[in-house]
Amino acid sequence: MSRLKSWQAFLYVIVALFLINFTIVGNNFATAVLHVIGMLMYFSWYVLIGHELYHLVPSKIGYSYNLFVVNYCLLVTLFGILVFLFVDGGQIHLTGAPALSGFYLLFALIDLMLFPARVLRTLELRRTVPKRECIGEFIMMLFLPIGIWFLQPRINKVYSEHIDQ
């Protein structure tokens, strides 16, 4: 993922978003399978970028890589379950204690986007970066199909600089 050109990464994300939003009329199971495949593709971009860049960060900088991976696994698992349960258009309403799982999913989604943004910024500046310094990268990760045109060249540059050393 870190060696892809911007247009290749953009095409990958667009295909993932297409699969997430594609509906086969009259076949809820096939629609759910396409949605899950699309979500796996979409979220895997964050994980692959975060994974590849994290291994370039000096070991003295302690970012929570395990939390990042756990959040990815929880997101994919729970979103996959929800897609299969509510593919026919049903709704879910969480109140009280079960709503905490929904809040954790929101935290996991934010962490999934913030981790690669923070690692990218750390590698560019060659120092530990607080979360507030990578808001721009986070917003580009949030609006990924557009942000990928700005992020992917920076990812490629950082990756090639650290691999050549």
N, C-alpha and C. Protein backbone atom coordinates (compact mmCIF):
# COMPACT_ATOMS: atom_id res chain seq x y z
N MET A 1 0.81 -1.19 0.00
CA MET A 1 0.00 0.00 0.00
C MET A 1 0.85 1.25 0.00
N SER A 2 2.03 1.18 0.56
CA SER A 2 2.84 2.39 0.63
C SER A 2 3.59 2.66 -0.67
N ARG A 3 3.50 1.78 -1.63
CA ARG A 3 4.16 2.02 -2.90
C ARG A 3 3.16 2.28 -4.03
N LEU A 4 1.90 2.34 -3.69
CA LEU A 4 0.89 2.61 -4.70
C LEU A 4 0.96 4.06 -5.15
N LYS A 5 0.65 4.28 -6.40
CA LYS A 5 0.49 5.64 -6.88
C LYS A 5 -0.85 6.16 -6.37
N SER A 6 -1.02 7.46 -6.38
CA SER A 6 -2.25 8.06 -5.84
C SER A 6 -3.48 7.55 -6.56
N TRP A 7 -3.41 7.43 -7.87
CA TRP A 7 -4.59 6.99 -8.62
C TRP A 7 -4.93 5.54 -8.33
N GLN A 8 -3.91 4.71 -8.05
CA GLN A 8 -4.18 3.31 -7.72
C GLN A 8 -4.85 3.19 -6.35
N ALA A 9 -4.37 3.95 -5.39
CA ALA A 9 -4.99 3.94 -4.06
C ALA A 9 -6.41 4.52 -4.14
N PHE A 10 -6.59 5.57 -4.93
CA PHE A 10 -7.91 6.17 -5.11
C PHE A 10 -8.87 5.15 -5.72
N LEU A 11 -8.42 4.43 -6.72
CA LEU A 11 -9.26 3.42 -7.37
C LEU A 11 -9.61 2.31 -6.38
N TYR A 12 -8.67 1.89 -5.56
CA TYR A 12 -8.91 0.87 -4.54
C TYR A 12 -10.01 1.32 -3.59
N VAL A 13 -9.91 2.56 -3.10
CA VAL A 13 -10.89 3.09 -2.15
C VAL A 13 -12.25 3.26 -2.82
N ILE A 14 -12.28 3.70 -4.06
CA ILE A 14 -13.54 3.88 -4.78
C ILE A 14 -14.23 2.53 -4.98
N VAL A 15 -13.49 1.50 -5.31
CA VAL A 15 -14.07 0.16 -5.46
C VAL A 15 -14.64 -0.30 -4.13
N ALA A 16 -13.91 -0.06 -3.04
CA ALA A 16 -14.41 -0.45 -1.71
C ALA A 16 -15.70 0.29 -1.38
N LEU A 17 -15.74 1.58 -1.64
CA LEU A 17 -16.96 2.36 -1.37
C LEU A 17 -18.11 1.93 -2.27
N PHE A 18 -17.81 1.56 -3.49
CA PHE A 18 -18.84 1.06 -4.40
C PHE A 18 -19.45 -0.23 -3.86
N LEU A 19 -18.60 -1.13 -3.38
CA LEU A 19 -19.10 -2.39 -2.82
C LEU A 19 -19.92 -2.17 -1.55
N ILE A 20 -19.51 -1.20 -0.74
CA ILE A 20 -20.26 -0.91 0.48
C ILE A 20 -21.66 -0.41 0.15
N ASN A 21 -21.79 0.34 -0.92
CA ASN A 21 -23.07 0.95 -1.27
C ASN A 21 -23.86 0.19 -2.33
N PHE A 22 -23.34 -0.90 -2.83
CA PHE A 22 -24.01 -1.66 -3.88
C PHE A 22 -25.12 -2.52 -3.29
N THR A 23 -26.24 -2.56 -3.96
CA THR A 23 -27.38 -3.35 -3.49
C THR A 23 -27.87 -4.26 -4.61
N ILE A 24 -28.04 -5.52 -4.29
CA ILE A 24 -28.64 -6.46 -5.23
C ILE A 24 -30.09 -6.63 -4.80
N VAL A 25 -30.98 -6.15 -5.63
CA VAL A 25 -32.41 -6.17 -5.29
C VAL A 25 -32.88 -7.61 -5.22
N GLY A 26 -33.52 -7.95 -4.12
CA GLY A 26 -34.09 -9.29 -3.95
C GLY A 26 -33.14 -10.31 -3.37
N ASN A 27 -31.89 -9.94 -3.13
CA ASN A 27 -30.93 -10.89 -2.59
C ASN A 27 -30.17 -10.21 -1.44
N ASN A 28 -30.75 -10.27 -0.26
CA ASN A 28 -30.17 -9.60 0.89
C ASN A 28 -28.83 -10.20 1.31
N PHE A 29 -28.69 -11.51 1.20
CA PHE A 29 -27.45 -12.16 1.61
C PHE A 29 -26.28 -11.71 0.72
N ALA A 30 -26.47 -11.71 -0.59
CA ALA A 30 -25.41 -11.28 -1.50
C ALA A 30 -25.06 -9.81 -1.27
N THR A 31 -26.08 -9.00 -1.00
CA THR A 31 -25.84 -7.59 -0.70
C THR A 31 -25.01 -7.45 0.56
N ALA A 32 -25.33 -8.22 1.60
CA ALA A 32 -24.57 -8.17 2.84
C ALA A 32 -23.13 -8.61 2.63
N VAL A 33 -22.92 -9.64 1.83
CA VAL A 33 -21.56 -10.10 1.55
C VAL A 33 -20.76 -9.01 0.84
N LEU A 34 -21.36 -8.35 -0.14
CA LEU A 34 -20.66 -7.26 -0.83
C LEU A 34 -20.35 -6.11 0.12
N HIS A 35 -21.29 -5.80 1.01
CA HIS A 35 -21.04 -4.72 1.98
C HIS A 35 -19.87 -5.07 2.90
N VAL A 36 -19.82 -6.31 3.36
CA VAL A 36 -18.73 -6.72 4.25
C VAL A 36 -17.40 -6.72 3.51
N ILE A 37 -17.37 -7.19 2.28
CA ILE A 37 -16.13 -7.17 1.49
C ILE A 37 -15.68 -5.73 1.28
N GLY A 38 -16.60 -4.85 0.97
CA GLY A 38 -16.26 -3.45 0.80
C GLY A 38 -15.71 -2.82 2.07
N MET A 39 -16.34 -3.14 3.22
CA MET A 39 -15.84 -2.61 4.49
C MET A 39 -14.45 -3.15 4.81
N LEU A 40 -14.24 -4.43 4.54
CA LEU A 40 -12.90 -5.00 4.76
C LEU A 40 -11.86 -4.28 3.91
N MET A 41 -12.20 -4.06 2.65
CA MET A 41 -11.27 -3.35 1.77
C MET A 41 -11.01 -1.93 2.26
N TYR A 42 -12.07 -1.22 2.60
CA TYR A 42 -11.95 0.18 3.01
C TYR A 42 -11.12 0.32 4.28
N PHE A 43 -11.47 -0.45 5.31
CA PHE A 43 -10.74 -0.36 6.57
C PHE A 43 -9.32 -0.91 6.46
N SER A 44 -9.11 -1.85 5.54
CA SER A 44 -7.77 -2.43 5.42
C SER A 44 -6.76 -1.41 4.90
N TRP A 45 -7.21 -0.39 4.17
CA TRP A 45 -6.26 0.63 3.72
C TRP A 45 -5.63 1.32 4.93
N TYR A 46 -6.45 1.68 5.91
CA TYR A 46 -5.93 2.31 7.12
C TYR A 46 -4.96 1.39 7.85
N VAL A 47 -5.35 0.12 7.96
CA VAL A 47 -4.54 -0.83 8.71
C VAL A 47 -3.21 -1.09 8.00
N LEU A 48 -3.24 -1.26 6.71
CA LEU A 48 -2.01 -1.53 5.98
C LEU A 48 -1.06 -0.35 6.02
N ILE A 49 -1.60 0.86 5.86
CA ILE A 49 -0.75 2.05 5.94
C ILE A 49 -0.20 2.21 7.36
N GLY A 50 -1.07 2.07 8.35
CA GLY A 50 -0.63 2.17 9.74
C GLY A 50 0.42 1.13 10.08
N HIS A 51 0.22 -0.09 9.61
CA HIS A 51 1.17 -1.18 9.89
C HIS A 51 2.52 -0.92 9.23
N GLU A 52 2.51 -0.57 7.95
CA GLU A 52 3.77 -0.36 7.25
C GLU A 52 4.54 0.83 7.80
N LEU A 53 3.84 1.90 8.09
CA LEU A 53 4.54 3.08 8.61
C LEU A 53 4.98 2.91 10.05
N TYR A 54 4.19 2.18 10.85
CA TYR A 54 4.55 1.98 12.25
C TYR A 54 5.90 1.27 12.39
N HIS A 55 6.19 0.37 11.50
CA HIS A 55 7.45 -0.36 11.59
C HIS A 55 8.64 0.49 11.20
N LEU A 56 8.40 1.69 10.67
CA LEU A 56 9.49 2.61 10.36
C LEU A 56 9.77 3.58 11.51
N VAL A 57 8.85 3.65 12.48
CA VAL A 57 8.99 4.56 13.62
C VAL A 57 10.04 3.98 14.57
N PRO A 58 10.93 4.84 15.09
CA PRO A 58 11.91 4.34 16.07
C PRO A 58 11.21 3.73 17.27
N SER A 59 11.83 2.72 17.84
CA SER A 59 11.20 1.95 18.91
C SER A 59 11.00 2.75 20.20
N LYS A 60 11.70 3.85 20.37
CA LYS A 60 11.54 4.63 21.59
C LYS A 60 10.22 5.39 21.63
N ILE A 61 9.58 5.55 20.49
CA ILE A 61 8.27 6.21 20.44
C ILE A 61 7.21 5.15 20.65
N GLY A 62 6.46 5.27 21.72
CA GLY A 62 5.51 4.22 22.09
C GLY A 62 4.08 4.54 21.71
N TYR A 63 3.71 4.27 20.49
CA TYR A 63 2.32 4.40 20.08
C TYR A 63 1.63 3.06 20.31
N SER A 64 0.35 3.10 20.55
CA SER A 64 -0.40 1.91 20.92
C SER A 64 -0.82 1.12 19.67
N TYR A 65 0.12 0.36 19.14
CA TYR A 65 -0.13 -0.43 17.94
C TYR A 65 -1.13 -1.55 18.21
N ASN A 66 -1.02 -2.18 19.37
CA ASN A 66 -1.94 -3.28 19.70
C ASN A 66 -3.38 -2.79 19.79
N LEU A 67 -3.60 -1.62 20.38
CA LEU A 67 -4.94 -1.05 20.44
C LEU A 67 -5.47 -0.77 19.03
N PHE A 68 -4.60 -0.31 18.17
CA PHE A 68 -4.96 -0.04 16.78
C PHE A 68 -5.45 -1.32 16.09
N VAL A 69 -4.73 -2.41 16.26
CA VAL A 69 -5.11 -3.68 15.64
C VAL A 69 -6.39 -4.24 16.27
N VAL A 70 -6.51 -4.15 17.58
CA VAL A 70 -7.72 -4.63 18.26
C VAL A 70 -8.93 -3.83 17.80
N ASN A 71 -8.78 -2.52 17.68
CA ASN A 71 -9.89 -1.70 17.21
C ASN A 71 -10.31 -2.07 15.80
N TYR A 72 -9.35 -2.36 14.94
CA TYR A 72 -9.68 -2.79 13.59
C TYR A 72 -10.47 -4.10 13.62
N CYS A 73 -10.00 -5.05 14.39
CA CYS A 73 -10.70 -6.34 14.47
C CYS A 73 -12.12 -6.18 15.01
N LEU A 74 -12.27 -5.37 16.04
CA LEU A 74 -13.61 -5.14 16.60
C LEU A 74 -14.53 -4.43 15.61
N LEU A 75 -14.00 -3.43 14.92
CA LEU A 75 -14.81 -2.71 13.93
C LEU A 75 -15.31 -3.64 12.83
N VAL A 76 -14.40 -4.39 12.27
CA VAL A 76 -14.77 -5.27 11.17
C VAL A 76 -15.74 -6.34 11.65
N THR A 77 -15.50 -6.91 12.80
CA THR A 77 -16.38 -7.96 13.32
C THR A 77 -17.78 -7.42 13.62
N LEU A 78 -17.84 -6.33 14.36
CA LEU A 78 -19.15 -5.80 14.75
C LEU A 78 -19.90 -5.20 13.57
N PHE A 79 -19.21 -4.50 12.68
CA PHE A 79 -19.89 -3.97 11.50
C PHE A 79 -20.37 -5.11 10.60
N GLY A 80 -19.57 -6.15 10.50
CA GLY A 80 -20.00 -7.31 9.71
C GLY A 80 -21.24 -7.96 10.28
N ILE A 81 -21.26 -8.11 11.59
CA ILE A 81 -22.46 -8.69 12.24
C ILE A 81 -23.66 -7.79 12.02
N LEU A 82 -23.48 -6.49 12.21
CA LEU A 82 -24.59 -5.56 12.02
C LEU A 82 -25.11 -5.55 10.59
N VAL A 83 -24.22 -5.66 9.63
CA VAL A 83 -24.65 -5.69 8.23
C VAL A 83 -25.52 -6.91 7.98
N PHE A 84 -25.10 -8.06 8.47
CA PHE A 84 -25.90 -9.27 8.24
C PHE A 84 -27.22 -9.24 9.02
N LEU A 85 -27.22 -8.62 10.19
CA LEU A 85 -28.45 -8.56 10.96
C LEU A 85 -29.46 -7.56 10.40
N PHE A 86 -28.97 -6.47 9.85
CA PHE A 86 -29.87 -5.39 9.45
C PHE A 86 -29.78 -5.06 7.97
N VAL A 87 -29.46 -6.03 7.14
CA VAL A 87 -29.34 -5.79 5.71
C VAL A 87 -30.70 -5.51 5.06
N ASP A 88 -31.76 -5.94 5.70
CA ASP A 88 -33.09 -5.73 5.13
C ASP A 88 -33.65 -4.35 5.48
N GLY A 89 -32.84 -3.48 6.04
CA GLY A 89 -33.29 -2.12 6.33
C GLY A 89 -33.72 -1.90 7.76
N GLY A 90 -33.53 -2.88 8.62
CA GLY A 90 -33.90 -2.73 10.02
C GLY A 90 -33.06 -1.67 10.70
N GLN A 91 -33.49 -1.24 11.85
CA GLN A 91 -32.77 -0.23 12.60
C GLN A 91 -32.39 -0.78 13.97
N ILE A 92 -31.36 -0.20 14.53
CA ILE A 92 -30.92 -0.60 15.86
C ILE A 92 -30.94 0.63 16.75
N HIS A 93 -31.45 0.47 17.94
CA HIS A 93 -31.51 1.55 18.92
C HIS A 93 -30.88 1.03 20.21
N LEU A 94 -29.77 1.64 20.58
CA LEU A 94 -29.09 1.24 21.80
C LEU A 94 -29.29 2.31 22.86
N THR A 95 -29.74 1.91 24.03
CA THR A 95 -29.89 2.83 25.14
C THR A 95 -29.27 2.21 26.38
N GLY A 96 -28.90 3.06 27.31
CA GLY A 96 -28.34 2.57 28.56
C GLY A 96 -26.97 1.96 28.38
N ALA A 97 -26.72 0.89 29.08
CA ALA A 97 -25.40 0.24 29.05
C ALA A 97 -25.02 -0.29 27.67
N PRO A 98 -25.94 -0.86 26.87
CA PRO A 98 -25.54 -1.31 25.53
C PRO A 98 -25.06 -0.19 24.61
N ALA A 99 -25.45 1.04 24.91
CA ALA A 99 -25.01 2.16 24.09
C ALA A 99 -23.51 2.40 24.23
N LEU A 100 -22.91 1.92 25.30
CA LEU A 100 -21.47 2.07 25.48
C LEU A 100 -20.70 1.37 24.37
N SER A 101 -21.22 0.26 23.87
CA SER A 101 -20.55 -0.41 22.76
C SER A 101 -20.55 0.46 21.51
N GLY A 102 -21.63 1.20 21.32
CA GLY A 102 -21.68 2.12 20.19
C GLY A 102 -20.67 3.25 20.32
N PHE A 103 -20.51 3.75 21.54
CA PHE A 103 -19.51 4.79 21.77
C PHE A 103 -18.09 4.25 21.58
N TYR A 104 -17.88 2.99 21.99
CA TYR A 104 -16.56 2.42 21.78
C TYR A 104 -16.28 2.23 20.29
N LEU A 105 -17.29 1.84 19.53
CA LEU A 105 -17.10 1.71 18.09
C LEU A 105 -16.73 3.06 17.46
N LEU A 106 -17.33 4.12 17.94
CA LEU A 106 -16.97 5.45 17.45
C LEU A 106 -15.52 5.77 17.79
N PHE A 107 -15.11 5.45 19.02
CA PHE A 107 -13.71 5.64 19.42
C PHE A 107 -12.79 4.80 18.54
N ALA A 108 -13.17 3.55 18.28
CA ALA A 108 -12.34 2.66 17.47
C ALA A 108 -12.20 3.19 16.05
N LEU A 109 -13.27 3.72 15.50
CA LEU A 109 -13.22 4.28 14.15
C LEU A 109 -12.31 5.50 14.10
N ILE A 110 -12.40 6.35 15.11
CA ILE A 110 -11.52 7.53 15.17
C ILE A 110 -10.07 7.10 15.33
N ASP A 111 -9.82 6.11 16.18
CA ASP A 111 -8.45 5.62 16.38
C ASP A 111 -7.91 4.97 15.11
N LEU A 112 -8.77 4.29 14.38
CA LEU A 112 -8.35 3.65 13.13
C LEU A 112 -7.86 4.67 12.12
N MET A 113 -8.42 5.87 12.14
CA MET A 113 -8.00 6.92 11.22
C MET A 113 -6.88 7.79 11.80
N LEU A 114 -6.88 7.96 13.11
CA LEU A 114 -5.90 8.83 13.75
C LEU A 114 -4.51 8.19 13.84
N PHE A 115 -4.46 6.90 14.04
CA PHE A 115 -3.17 6.21 14.21
C PHE A 115 -2.27 6.37 12.98
N PRO A 116 -2.74 6.03 11.76
CA PRO A 116 -1.85 6.22 10.61
C PRO A 116 -1.51 7.69 10.36
N ALA A 117 -2.45 8.60 10.66
CA ALA A 117 -2.17 10.03 10.49
C ALA A 117 -1.05 10.46 11.42
N ARG A 118 -1.10 10.00 12.65
CA ARG A 118 -0.09 10.37 13.65
C ARG A 118 1.27 9.76 13.31
N VAL A 119 1.27 8.51 12.87
CA VAL A 119 2.53 7.86 12.52
C VAL A 119 3.15 8.53 11.29
N LEU A 120 2.33 8.88 10.31
CA LEU A 120 2.83 9.58 9.12
C LEU A 120 3.46 10.91 9.52
N ARG A 121 2.79 11.67 10.33
CA ARG A 121 3.30 12.98 10.77
C ARG A 121 4.58 12.81 11.60
N THR A 122 4.64 11.78 12.42
CA THR A 122 5.84 11.51 13.22
C THR A 122 7.03 11.22 12.32
N LEU A 123 6.82 10.43 11.30
CA LEU A 123 7.91 10.09 10.39
C LEU A 123 8.36 11.31 9.58
N GLU A 124 7.41 12.17 9.24
CA GLU A 124 7.78 13.38 8.48
C GLU A 124 8.58 14.35 9.33
N LEU A 125 8.18 14.54 10.58
CA LEU A 125 8.84 15.51 11.45
C LEU A 125 10.01 14.91 12.25
N ARG A 126 10.10 13.58 12.24
CA ARG A 126 11.17 12.86 12.95
C ARG A 126 11.19 13.16 14.45
N ARG A 127 9.99 13.25 15.03
CA ARG A 127 9.84 13.45 16.47
C ARG A 127 8.46 12.95 16.88
N THR A 128 8.27 12.75 18.17
CA THR A 128 6.96 12.36 18.68
C THR A 128 5.98 13.50 18.45
N VAL A 129 4.83 13.15 17.90
CA VAL A 129 3.83 14.16 17.56
C VAL A 129 2.60 13.96 18.43
N PRO A 130 2.16 15.01 19.14
CA PRO A 130 0.90 14.88 19.87
C PRO A 130 -0.28 14.83 18.89
N LYS A 131 -1.39 14.33 19.37
CA LYS A 131 -2.55 14.14 18.50
C LYS A 131 -3.04 15.44 17.89
N ARG A 132 -2.90 16.53 18.59
CA ARG A 132 -3.42 17.80 18.07
C ARG A 132 -2.64 18.30 16.86
N GLU A 133 -1.42 17.80 16.66
CA GLU A 133 -0.61 18.24 15.53
C GLU A 133 -0.91 17.49 14.24
N CYS A 134 -1.74 16.48 14.30
CA CYS A 134 -2.03 15.72 13.09
C CYS A 134 -3.52 15.78 12.73
N ILE A 135 -4.17 16.88 13.08
CA ILE A 135 -5.59 17.04 12.78
C ILE A 135 -5.80 17.12 11.27
N GLY A 136 -4.92 17.79 10.55
CA GLY A 136 -5.05 17.89 9.09
C GLY A 136 -5.00 16.54 8.42
N GLU A 137 -4.06 15.70 8.84
CA GLU A 137 -3.96 14.36 8.29
C GLU A 137 -5.18 13.53 8.65
N PHE A 138 -5.67 13.72 9.89
CA PHE A 138 -6.87 13.00 10.32
C PHE A 138 -8.08 13.37 9.45
N ILE A 139 -8.24 14.65 9.16
CA ILE A 139 -9.35 15.09 8.32
C ILE A 139 -9.21 14.52 6.92
N MET A 140 -7.98 14.45 6.41
CA MET A 140 -7.79 13.83 5.09
C MET A 140 -8.10 12.34 5.13
N MET A 141 -7.79 11.68 6.25
CA MET A 141 -8.15 10.27 6.40
C MET A 141 -9.66 10.11 6.51
N LEU A 142 -10.32 11.06 7.15
CA LEU A 142 -11.76 11.01 7.31
C LEU A 142 -12.47 11.14 5.97
N PHE A 143 -11.99 12.01 5.12
CA PHE A 143 -12.56 12.19 3.78
C PHE A 143 -11.64 11.52 2.77
N LEU A 144 -11.53 10.21 2.92
CA LEU A 144 -10.50 9.44 2.23
C LEU A 144 -10.50 9.52 0.71
N PRO A 145 -11.59 9.43 0.01
CA PRO A 145 -11.43 9.44 -1.44
C PRO A 145 -10.76 10.71 -1.95
N ILE A 146 -11.01 11.83 -1.30
CA ILE A 146 -10.36 13.08 -1.72
C ILE A 146 -8.99 13.20 -1.06
N GLY A 147 -8.94 12.88 0.22
CA GLY A 147 -7.69 13.02 0.96
C GLY A 147 -6.57 12.11 0.47
N ILE A 148 -6.93 11.05 -0.21
CA ILE A 148 -5.90 10.11 -0.67
C ILE A 148 -4.96 10.75 -1.68
N TRP A 149 -5.46 11.75 -2.41
CA TRP A 149 -4.62 12.44 -3.39
C TRP A 149 -3.52 13.25 -2.70
N PHE A 150 -3.73 13.63 -1.47
CA PHE A 150 -2.74 14.38 -0.71
C PHE A 150 -1.91 13.47 0.19
N LEU A 151 -2.52 12.41 0.69
CA LEU A 151 -1.84 11.51 1.62
C LEU A 151 -0.89 10.54 0.93
N GLN A 152 -1.32 9.92 -0.13
CA GLN A 152 -0.53 8.86 -0.76
C GLN A 152 0.85 9.33 -1.22
N PRO A 153 0.99 10.51 -1.85
CA PRO A 153 2.35 10.94 -2.20
C PRO A 153 3.24 11.14 -0.97
N ARG A 154 2.65 11.64 0.13
CA ARG A 154 3.43 11.82 1.35
C ARG A 154 3.82 10.48 1.95
N ILE A 155 2.91 9.52 1.91
CA ILE A 155 3.20 8.17 2.41
C ILE A 155 4.32 7.55 1.59
N ASN A 156 4.24 7.66 0.28
CA ASN A 156 5.28 7.10 -0.59
C ASN A 156 6.63 7.76 -0.31
N LYS A 157 6.63 9.08 -0.12
CA LYS A 157 7.88 9.80 0.12
C LYS A 157 8.52 9.36 1.44
N VAL A 158 7.70 9.30 2.50
CA VAL A 158 8.22 8.89 3.81
C VAL A 158 8.73 7.46 3.76
N TYR A 159 7.99 6.61 3.10
CA TYR A 159 8.38 5.20 3.03
C TYR A 159 9.69 5.04 2.27
N SER A 160 9.82 5.72 1.15
CA SER A 160 11.04 5.58 0.36
C SER A 160 12.23 6.20 1.09
N GLU A 161 12.04 7.30 1.83
CA GLU A 161 13.13 7.91 2.58
C GLU A 161 13.64 6.98 3.67
N HIS A 162 12.75 6.29 4.35
CA HIS A 162 13.16 5.42 5.46
C HIS A 162 13.68 4.07 4.98
N ILE A 163 13.22 3.61 3.84
CA ILE A 163 13.72 2.36 3.30
C ILE A 163 15.13 2.53 2.75
N ASP A 164 15.42 3.70 2.17
CA ASP A 164 16.73 3.95 1.58
C ASP A 164 17.82 4.14 2.63
N GLN A 165 17.44 4.41 3.88
CA GLN A 165 18.45 4.65 4.92
C GLN A 165 19.09 3.37 5.39
